N, C-alpha and C. Protein backbone atom coordinates (compact mmCIF):
# COMPACT_ATOMS: atom_id res chain seq x y z
N MET A 1 0.86 -1.14 0.01
CA MET A 1 -0.05 -0.01 0.01
C MET A 1 0.90 1.22 0.01
N THR A 2 0.59 2.20 -0.88
CA THR A 2 1.41 3.41 -0.95
C THR A 2 0.82 4.47 -0.08
N THR A 3 1.69 5.27 0.46
CA THR A 3 1.28 6.40 1.28
C THR A 3 1.26 7.65 0.41
N LEU A 4 0.15 8.36 0.35
CA LEU A 4 0.12 9.59 -0.45
C LEU A 4 0.98 10.72 0.21
N PRO A 5 1.52 11.57 -0.63
CA PRO A 5 2.22 12.75 -0.11
C PRO A 5 1.25 13.68 0.62
N PRO A 6 1.76 14.36 1.66
CA PRO A 6 0.86 15.19 2.44
C PRO A 6 0.03 16.19 1.65
N ALA A 7 0.60 16.73 0.53
CA ALA A 7 -0.17 17.66 -0.29
C ALA A 7 -1.41 16.99 -0.93
N ASP A 8 -1.23 15.75 -1.30
CA ASP A 8 -2.32 14.99 -1.91
C ASP A 8 -3.38 14.65 -0.87
N VAL A 9 -2.95 14.36 0.34
CA VAL A 9 -3.89 14.02 1.44
C VAL A 9 -4.70 15.27 1.72
N LEU A 10 -4.09 16.46 1.83
CA LEU A 10 -4.78 17.71 2.08
C LEU A 10 -5.75 17.96 0.92
N ALA A 11 -5.36 17.77 -0.29
CA ALA A 11 -6.29 18.01 -1.43
C ALA A 11 -7.48 17.06 -1.35
N GLU A 12 -7.32 15.88 -0.87
CA GLU A 12 -8.41 14.94 -0.73
C GLU A 12 -9.36 15.40 0.38
N LEU A 13 -8.76 15.85 1.52
CA LEU A 13 -9.61 16.36 2.62
C LEU A 13 -10.45 17.55 2.11
N LEU A 14 -9.78 18.45 1.39
CA LEU A 14 -10.54 19.67 0.99
C LEU A 14 -11.53 19.39 -0.13
N GLY A 15 -11.30 18.34 -0.95
CA GLY A 15 -12.11 18.07 -2.09
C GLY A 15 -13.14 17.00 -1.85
N ALA A 16 -13.16 16.52 -0.69
CA ALA A 16 -14.12 15.42 -0.32
C ALA A 16 -15.58 15.91 -0.51
N ARG A 17 -16.40 15.02 -1.06
CA ARG A 17 -17.85 15.37 -1.26
C ARG A 17 -18.51 15.69 0.09
N GLN A 18 -18.13 14.94 1.08
CA GLN A 18 -18.65 15.11 2.39
C GLN A 18 -17.53 15.52 3.34
N SER A 19 -17.75 16.55 4.08
CA SER A 19 -16.73 17.04 5.03
C SER A 19 -16.31 15.93 5.97
N PRO A 20 -14.99 15.82 6.24
CA PRO A 20 -14.53 14.82 7.15
C PRO A 20 -15.14 15.08 8.56
N ARG A 21 -15.31 14.02 9.30
CA ARG A 21 -15.69 14.17 10.71
C ARG A 21 -14.62 14.94 11.43
N PRO A 22 -14.97 15.70 12.46
CA PRO A 22 -13.93 16.46 13.19
C PRO A 22 -12.78 15.62 13.69
N GLU A 23 -13.06 14.39 14.20
CA GLU A 23 -12.00 13.51 14.73
C GLU A 23 -11.04 13.11 13.56
N GLN A 24 -11.63 12.80 12.45
CA GLN A 24 -10.86 12.40 11.33
C GLN A 24 -9.96 13.61 10.81
N ALA A 25 -10.52 14.72 10.65
CA ALA A 25 -9.83 15.95 10.23
C ALA A 25 -8.70 16.24 11.18
N ARG A 26 -8.94 16.14 12.48
CA ARG A 26 -7.89 16.42 13.54
C ARG A 26 -6.71 15.46 13.43
N VAL A 27 -7.00 14.18 13.28
CA VAL A 27 -5.92 13.18 13.17
C VAL A 27 -5.06 13.41 11.92
N VAL A 28 -5.73 13.57 10.77
CA VAL A 28 -5.06 13.77 9.53
C VAL A 28 -4.23 15.07 9.50
N LEU A 29 -4.89 16.16 9.92
CA LEU A 29 -4.18 17.48 9.88
C LEU A 29 -3.00 17.45 10.81
N ALA A 30 -3.11 16.84 11.98
CA ALA A 30 -2.00 16.81 12.93
C ALA A 30 -0.83 16.09 12.29
N GLU A 31 -1.10 15.07 11.49
CA GLU A 31 -0.04 14.29 10.87
C GLU A 31 0.60 14.99 9.69
N ILE A 32 -0.19 15.57 8.80
CA ILE A 32 0.30 16.08 7.55
C ILE A 32 0.76 17.57 7.62
N TRP A 33 0.13 18.37 8.40
CA TRP A 33 0.39 19.83 8.37
C TRP A 33 1.86 20.18 8.54
N PRO A 34 2.55 19.65 9.56
CA PRO A 34 3.93 19.99 9.65
C PRO A 34 4.89 19.58 8.52
N LYS A 35 4.37 18.72 7.69
CA LYS A 35 5.12 18.23 6.49
C LYS A 35 4.84 19.03 5.24
N LEU A 36 3.80 19.86 5.27
CA LEU A 36 3.37 20.59 4.04
C LEU A 36 4.23 21.81 3.79
N HIS A 37 4.40 22.11 2.51
CA HIS A 37 5.18 23.32 2.12
C HIS A 37 4.29 24.20 1.31
N ALA A 38 4.04 25.44 1.76
CA ALA A 38 3.29 26.40 0.97
C ALA A 38 1.88 25.87 0.51
N PRO A 39 1.05 25.43 1.38
CA PRO A 39 -0.30 24.97 0.91
C PRO A 39 -1.17 26.04 0.30
N LEU A 40 -0.87 27.33 0.62
CA LEU A 40 -1.70 28.36 -0.03
C LEU A 40 -1.49 28.52 -1.53
N ARG A 41 -0.44 27.92 -2.05
CA ARG A 41 -0.22 27.89 -3.48
C ARG A 41 -1.35 27.19 -4.20
N HIS A 42 -1.95 26.22 -3.56
CA HIS A 42 -2.96 25.33 -4.15
C HIS A 42 -4.32 25.44 -3.55
N HIS A 43 -4.42 26.00 -2.38
CA HIS A 43 -5.71 25.98 -1.68
C HIS A 43 -5.88 27.41 -1.05
N GLY A 44 -7.10 27.86 -1.05
CA GLY A 44 -7.46 29.16 -0.46
C GLY A 44 -7.38 29.15 1.03
N SER A 45 -7.05 30.28 1.61
CA SER A 45 -6.98 30.31 3.10
C SER A 45 -8.34 30.08 3.74
N ALA A 46 -9.42 30.53 3.09
CA ALA A 46 -10.75 30.30 3.66
C ALA A 46 -11.08 28.77 3.81
N ALA A 47 -10.70 28.00 2.79
CA ALA A 47 -10.90 26.53 2.85
C ALA A 47 -10.04 25.88 3.96
N LEU A 48 -8.80 26.32 4.07
CA LEU A 48 -7.89 25.76 5.07
C LEU A 48 -8.41 26.13 6.48
N VAL A 49 -8.84 27.37 6.68
CA VAL A 49 -9.30 27.82 7.98
C VAL A 49 -10.58 26.99 8.31
N ALA A 50 -11.46 26.81 7.39
CA ALA A 50 -12.64 26.05 7.68
C ALA A 50 -12.32 24.58 8.06
N LEU A 51 -11.34 24.02 7.38
CA LEU A 51 -10.92 22.65 7.76
C LEU A 51 -10.33 22.66 9.15
N PHE A 52 -9.53 23.60 9.51
CA PHE A 52 -8.99 23.64 10.91
C PHE A 52 -10.12 23.91 11.92
N ARG A 53 -11.03 24.78 11.58
CA ARG A 53 -12.16 25.04 12.48
C ARG A 53 -12.95 23.73 12.74
N ARG A 54 -13.14 23.01 11.66
CA ARG A 54 -13.95 21.75 11.80
C ARG A 54 -13.18 20.75 12.65
N ALA A 55 -11.85 20.75 12.53
CA ALA A 55 -11.07 19.79 13.33
C ALA A 55 -10.98 20.20 14.81
N GLY A 56 -11.02 21.48 15.05
CA GLY A 56 -10.87 21.93 16.47
C GLY A 56 -9.36 22.18 16.67
N TYR A 57 -9.03 22.83 17.77
CA TYR A 57 -7.68 23.19 18.08
C TYR A 57 -6.73 22.02 18.01
N LEU A 58 -5.62 22.17 17.33
CA LEU A 58 -4.60 21.13 17.17
C LEU A 58 -3.29 21.58 17.78
N THR A 59 -2.56 20.65 18.41
CA THR A 59 -1.26 21.01 18.92
C THR A 59 -0.42 19.75 19.18
N ASP A 60 0.92 19.91 19.08
CA ASP A 60 1.74 18.82 19.49
C ASP A 60 2.61 19.24 20.68
N TYR A 61 2.29 20.43 21.23
CA TYR A 61 3.06 20.84 22.42
C TYR A 61 2.49 21.99 23.30
N ALA A 62 1.58 22.75 22.78
CA ALA A 62 1.09 23.92 23.54
C ALA A 62 -0.43 23.89 23.71
N PRO A 63 -0.89 24.06 24.92
CA PRO A 63 -2.36 24.14 25.13
C PRO A 63 -2.91 25.37 24.36
N ILE A 64 -4.18 25.36 24.19
CA ILE A 64 -4.85 26.51 23.56
C ILE A 64 -4.55 27.73 24.34
N PRO A 65 -4.16 28.83 23.72
CA PRO A 65 -3.76 30.03 24.51
C PRO A 65 -4.95 30.65 25.13
N ASP A 66 -4.74 31.23 26.32
CA ASP A 66 -5.77 32.01 27.00
C ASP A 66 -5.45 33.47 27.04
N THR A 67 -4.40 33.92 26.39
CA THR A 67 -4.02 35.29 26.28
C THR A 67 -3.57 35.54 24.81
N ASP A 68 -3.46 36.74 24.41
CA ASP A 68 -2.98 37.06 23.08
C ASP A 68 -1.52 36.58 22.86
N LEU A 69 -1.22 36.18 21.63
CA LEU A 69 0.13 35.78 21.21
C LEU A 69 0.65 36.78 20.22
N VAL A 70 1.92 37.14 20.42
CA VAL A 70 2.67 37.93 19.43
C VAL A 70 3.25 36.96 18.45
N ILE A 71 2.97 37.10 17.15
CA ILE A 71 3.39 36.12 16.15
C ILE A 71 4.06 36.90 14.98
N TYR A 72 4.79 36.14 14.16
CA TYR A 72 5.61 36.70 13.08
C TYR A 72 5.45 35.87 11.81
N ARG A 73 5.61 36.52 10.64
CA ARG A 73 5.50 35.79 9.39
C ARG A 73 6.47 36.45 8.42
N GLY A 74 7.25 35.62 7.75
CA GLY A 74 8.07 36.07 6.60
C GLY A 74 7.41 35.59 5.34
N GLU A 75 7.21 36.57 4.41
CA GLU A 75 6.44 36.24 3.18
C GLU A 75 6.82 37.24 2.08
N ARG A 76 6.39 36.93 0.84
CA ARG A 76 6.61 37.82 -0.28
C ARG A 76 5.79 39.05 -0.01
N ALA A 77 6.40 40.18 -0.35
CA ALA A 77 5.81 41.50 -0.05
C ALA A 77 4.54 41.76 -0.88
N ASN A 78 4.43 41.18 -2.02
CA ASN A 78 3.30 41.51 -2.95
C ASN A 78 2.06 40.69 -2.63
N LEU A 79 2.03 39.88 -1.55
CA LEU A 79 0.84 39.18 -1.25
C LEU A 79 -0.25 40.09 -0.71
N GLY A 80 -1.46 39.90 -1.06
CA GLY A 80 -2.54 40.80 -0.67
C GLY A 80 -2.79 40.71 0.83
N SER A 81 -3.08 39.56 1.34
CA SER A 81 -3.29 39.44 2.76
C SER A 81 -2.39 38.29 3.29
N PRO A 82 -2.05 38.40 4.53
CA PRO A 82 -1.13 37.39 5.09
C PRO A 82 -1.74 35.99 5.12
N GLY A 83 -0.86 35.03 5.18
CA GLY A 83 -1.31 33.63 5.15
C GLY A 83 -1.67 33.22 6.51
N ILE A 84 -1.82 31.87 6.67
CA ILE A 84 -2.35 31.31 7.94
C ILE A 84 -1.25 30.75 8.80
N ALA A 85 -0.06 30.52 8.25
CA ALA A 85 1.02 29.92 8.98
C ALA A 85 1.98 30.97 9.43
N TRP A 86 2.11 31.12 10.79
CA TRP A 86 2.94 32.11 11.37
C TRP A 86 3.89 31.44 12.33
N SER A 87 4.70 32.19 13.11
CA SER A 87 5.59 31.59 14.10
C SER A 87 5.60 32.51 15.29
N ALA A 88 5.77 31.90 16.45
CA ALA A 88 5.98 32.72 17.65
C ALA A 88 7.39 33.14 17.80
N ASP A 89 8.27 32.66 16.90
CA ASP A 89 9.67 32.89 16.87
C ASP A 89 10.06 33.88 15.76
N GLN A 90 10.47 35.07 16.08
CA GLN A 90 10.73 36.08 15.08
C GLN A 90 11.83 35.63 14.14
N ALA A 91 12.84 34.93 14.67
CA ALA A 91 13.96 34.44 13.80
C ALA A 91 13.45 33.49 12.69
N VAL A 92 12.47 32.71 12.99
CA VAL A 92 11.93 31.84 11.91
C VAL A 92 11.31 32.65 10.79
N ALA A 93 10.56 33.67 11.14
CA ALA A 93 9.95 34.53 10.12
C ALA A 93 10.99 35.24 9.33
N ILE A 94 12.07 35.75 9.95
CA ILE A 94 13.14 36.36 9.25
C ILE A 94 13.80 35.43 8.22
N ASP A 95 13.99 34.18 8.68
CA ASP A 95 14.62 33.17 7.86
C ASP A 95 13.79 32.91 6.62
N TYR A 96 12.42 32.83 6.78
CA TYR A 96 11.51 32.65 5.65
C TYR A 96 11.63 33.82 4.72
N ALA A 97 11.60 35.07 5.24
CA ALA A 97 11.69 36.22 4.39
C ALA A 97 12.96 36.22 3.58
N ARG A 98 14.09 35.87 4.24
CA ARG A 98 15.37 35.80 3.51
C ARG A 98 15.34 34.83 2.36
N ARG A 99 14.78 33.63 2.64
CA ARG A 99 14.76 32.58 1.65
C ARG A 99 13.82 32.94 0.44
N TYR A 100 12.71 33.55 0.74
CA TYR A 100 11.76 33.99 -0.28
C TYR A 100 12.25 35.18 -1.12
N SER A 101 13.32 35.84 -0.69
CA SER A 101 13.80 37.02 -1.35
C SER A 101 14.36 36.65 -2.69
N THR A 102 14.61 35.37 -2.98
CA THR A 102 15.08 34.99 -4.30
C THR A 102 13.92 34.98 -5.41
N VAL A 103 12.71 35.13 -4.93
CA VAL A 103 11.63 35.18 -5.92
C VAL A 103 10.93 36.60 -5.90
N GLY A 104 11.37 37.46 -5.07
CA GLY A 104 10.80 38.82 -5.03
C GLY A 104 11.07 39.47 -3.70
N GLN A 105 10.66 40.69 -3.56
CA GLN A 105 10.86 41.45 -2.29
C GLN A 105 10.01 40.74 -1.24
N THR A 106 10.54 40.76 -0.07
CA THR A 106 9.82 40.08 1.05
C THR A 106 9.64 41.03 2.20
N ARG A 107 8.78 40.59 3.17
CA ARG A 107 8.55 41.39 4.38
C ARG A 107 8.43 40.43 5.57
N VAL A 108 8.71 40.98 6.71
CA VAL A 108 8.50 40.30 7.96
C VAL A 108 7.34 41.04 8.69
N LEU A 109 6.32 40.28 8.96
CA LEU A 109 5.12 40.88 9.62
C LEU A 109 5.11 40.46 11.11
N GLN A 110 4.59 41.31 11.92
CA GLN A 110 4.30 41.04 13.33
C GLN A 110 2.83 41.29 13.59
N ALA A 111 2.18 40.47 14.34
CA ALA A 111 0.75 40.60 14.57
C ALA A 111 0.48 40.15 15.99
N THR A 112 -0.72 40.46 16.50
CA THR A 112 -1.22 39.96 17.72
C THR A 112 -2.35 39.02 17.35
N ALA A 113 -2.28 37.78 17.90
CA ALA A 113 -3.29 36.81 17.66
C ALA A 113 -4.10 36.57 18.93
N PRO A 114 -5.36 37.05 18.96
CA PRO A 114 -6.18 36.72 20.12
C PRO A 114 -6.47 35.22 20.11
N PRO A 115 -6.79 34.67 21.26
CA PRO A 115 -7.00 33.20 21.33
C PRO A 115 -7.99 32.72 20.31
N SER A 116 -9.02 33.51 19.97
CA SER A 116 -10.05 33.04 19.02
C SER A 116 -9.42 32.89 17.56
N ALA A 117 -8.29 33.50 17.32
CA ALA A 117 -7.66 33.40 16.00
C ALA A 117 -6.78 32.19 15.81
N VAL A 118 -6.36 31.61 16.98
CA VAL A 118 -5.37 30.53 16.93
C VAL A 118 -6.08 29.17 16.66
N LEU A 119 -5.70 28.54 15.55
CA LEU A 119 -6.34 27.31 15.12
C LEU A 119 -5.44 26.06 15.52
N ALA A 120 -4.08 26.27 15.58
CA ALA A 120 -3.21 25.15 15.86
C ALA A 120 -1.81 25.71 16.24
N ARG A 121 -1.05 24.89 16.97
CA ARG A 121 0.32 25.20 17.27
C ARG A 121 1.14 23.91 17.18
N PHE A 122 2.28 24.09 16.54
CA PHE A 122 3.18 22.96 16.31
C PHE A 122 4.59 23.34 16.77
N ALA A 123 5.30 22.40 17.41
CA ALA A 123 6.63 22.68 17.98
C ALA A 123 7.61 23.03 16.83
N ASP A 124 7.50 22.35 15.68
CA ASP A 124 8.41 22.66 14.63
C ASP A 124 8.25 24.09 14.16
N GLU A 125 9.33 24.87 14.26
CA GLU A 125 9.36 26.21 13.90
C GLU A 125 8.44 27.14 14.79
N ASP A 126 8.02 26.58 15.93
CA ASP A 126 7.14 27.28 16.86
C ASP A 126 5.96 27.86 16.02
N GLU A 127 5.43 26.98 15.12
CA GLU A 127 4.34 27.40 14.20
C GLU A 127 3.04 27.63 14.92
N VAL A 128 2.37 28.74 14.46
CA VAL A 128 1.05 29.07 14.91
C VAL A 128 0.17 29.23 13.69
N VAL A 129 -0.85 28.41 13.57
CA VAL A 129 -1.82 28.53 12.48
C VAL A 129 -2.99 29.37 12.94
N VAL A 130 -3.29 30.37 12.15
CA VAL A 130 -4.27 31.33 12.49
C VAL A 130 -5.31 31.57 11.50
N GLN A 131 -6.42 32.20 11.88
CA GLN A 131 -7.40 32.79 10.94
C GLN A 131 -6.97 34.22 10.76
N PRO A 132 -6.41 34.55 9.56
CA PRO A 132 -5.78 35.85 9.41
C PRO A 132 -6.67 37.06 9.62
N ASP A 133 -7.99 36.95 9.30
CA ASP A 133 -8.85 38.13 9.44
C ASP A 133 -9.12 38.45 10.89
N LEU A 134 -8.74 37.59 11.83
CA LEU A 134 -8.96 37.85 13.27
C LEU A 134 -7.70 38.44 13.91
N LEU A 135 -6.57 38.61 13.17
CA LEU A 135 -5.36 39.14 13.74
C LEU A 135 -5.53 40.65 13.93
N VAL A 136 -4.83 41.20 14.94
CA VAL A 136 -4.87 42.65 15.15
C VAL A 136 -3.44 43.16 15.16
N ASN A 137 -3.32 44.45 14.96
CA ASN A 137 -1.99 45.09 14.99
C ASN A 137 -0.99 44.43 14.04
N VAL A 138 -1.40 44.18 12.88
CA VAL A 138 -0.50 43.55 11.84
C VAL A 138 0.33 44.69 11.25
N VAL A 139 1.67 44.60 11.50
CA VAL A 139 2.57 45.59 10.93
C VAL A 139 3.78 44.94 10.35
N SER A 140 4.38 45.64 9.34
CA SER A 140 5.60 45.18 8.81
C SER A 140 6.75 45.63 9.69
N ILE A 141 7.61 44.78 10.07
CA ILE A 141 8.75 45.16 10.89
C ILE A 141 10.11 45.08 10.16
N GLY A 142 10.00 44.74 8.88
CA GLY A 142 11.26 44.68 8.12
C GLY A 142 10.98 44.10 6.72
N SER A 143 12.02 44.22 5.87
CA SER A 143 11.86 43.60 4.53
C SER A 143 13.26 43.22 3.98
N PHE A 144 13.25 42.45 2.98
CA PHE A 144 14.46 42.07 2.20
C PHE A 144 14.18 42.38 0.73
N PRO A 145 15.15 43.04 0.06
CA PRO A 145 14.97 43.30 -1.37
C PRO A 145 15.12 41.96 -2.13
N HIS A 146 14.61 42.01 -3.33
CA HIS A 146 14.66 40.87 -4.23
C HIS A 146 16.15 40.54 -4.48
N PHE A 147 16.55 39.36 -4.16
CA PHE A 147 17.99 38.89 -4.31
C PHE A 147 18.08 38.16 -5.62
N THR A 148 18.98 38.55 -6.45
CA THR A 148 19.18 37.83 -7.68
C THR A 148 20.65 37.34 -7.75
N VAL A 149 20.74 36.19 -8.30
CA VAL A 149 22.07 35.61 -8.50
C VAL A 149 22.80 36.29 -9.64
N PRO A 150 23.99 36.79 -9.46
CA PRO A 150 24.62 37.44 -10.58
C PRO A 150 24.94 36.44 -11.72
N ASN A 151 24.92 37.02 -12.93
CA ASN A 151 25.27 36.22 -14.11
C ASN A 151 26.73 35.80 -14.00
N LEU A 152 26.97 34.62 -14.30
CA LEU A 152 28.32 34.09 -14.33
C LEU A 152 28.83 33.90 -15.75
N ALA A 153 30.06 34.02 -15.90
CA ALA A 153 30.65 33.83 -17.23
C ALA A 153 30.41 32.33 -17.63
N PRO A 154 30.29 32.03 -18.92
CA PRO A 154 30.02 30.67 -19.31
C PRO A 154 31.06 29.71 -18.74
N GLY A 155 30.60 28.60 -18.27
CA GLY A 155 31.52 27.57 -17.73
C GLY A 155 31.80 27.77 -16.20
N LEU A 156 31.49 28.93 -15.63
CA LEU A 156 31.65 29.11 -14.20
C LEU A 156 30.43 28.61 -13.43
N ARG A 157 30.67 28.03 -12.28
CA ARG A 157 29.61 27.54 -11.44
C ARG A 157 29.87 28.00 -10.04
N PHE A 158 28.84 28.02 -9.29
CA PHE A 158 28.95 28.25 -7.84
C PHE A 158 29.59 27.00 -7.18
N ARG A 159 30.43 27.17 -6.25
CA ARG A 159 30.98 26.08 -5.51
C ARG A 159 30.45 26.07 -4.10
N ALA A 160 30.09 24.98 -3.60
CA ALA A 160 29.64 24.91 -2.21
C ALA A 160 30.78 25.17 -1.28
N PHE A 161 30.51 25.83 -0.15
CA PHE A 161 31.52 26.10 0.79
C PHE A 161 31.60 24.89 1.76
N SER A 162 32.78 24.61 2.19
CA SER A 162 32.90 23.46 3.15
C SER A 162 32.92 23.92 4.55
């Protein structure tokens, strides 16, 4: 029996004729979400938020917050509204912004997430999954310009540093 990649499992969950039971959604999301990369490229944030709401609060290390959380996100600067995956660790957001700068200008956002906005928390990267429209005090705290690799003369290649 083959195991589907996490992105395919998510697509099946979102495309199912009948919504998964909350218990089923919770188990599947808890397993696949930390393994996914950029799910908003293929799925709208409203559909993902609805799936998380159906599943109920998920975590692998932190109880549901009872106070506001300060969270951070590194993303491309030309995105209309922020995504659903944030971090409680500012350094993680800065790292994402740096890495995404190869595809365009990026920004690092800081926001306050009231408990009602928090859908899940995962230990990996101190991730906080949120409902973006419930965030408050969303501000840009920095940016990185678009980084381009310089043209090399024919036959030259980058060498890895040891």
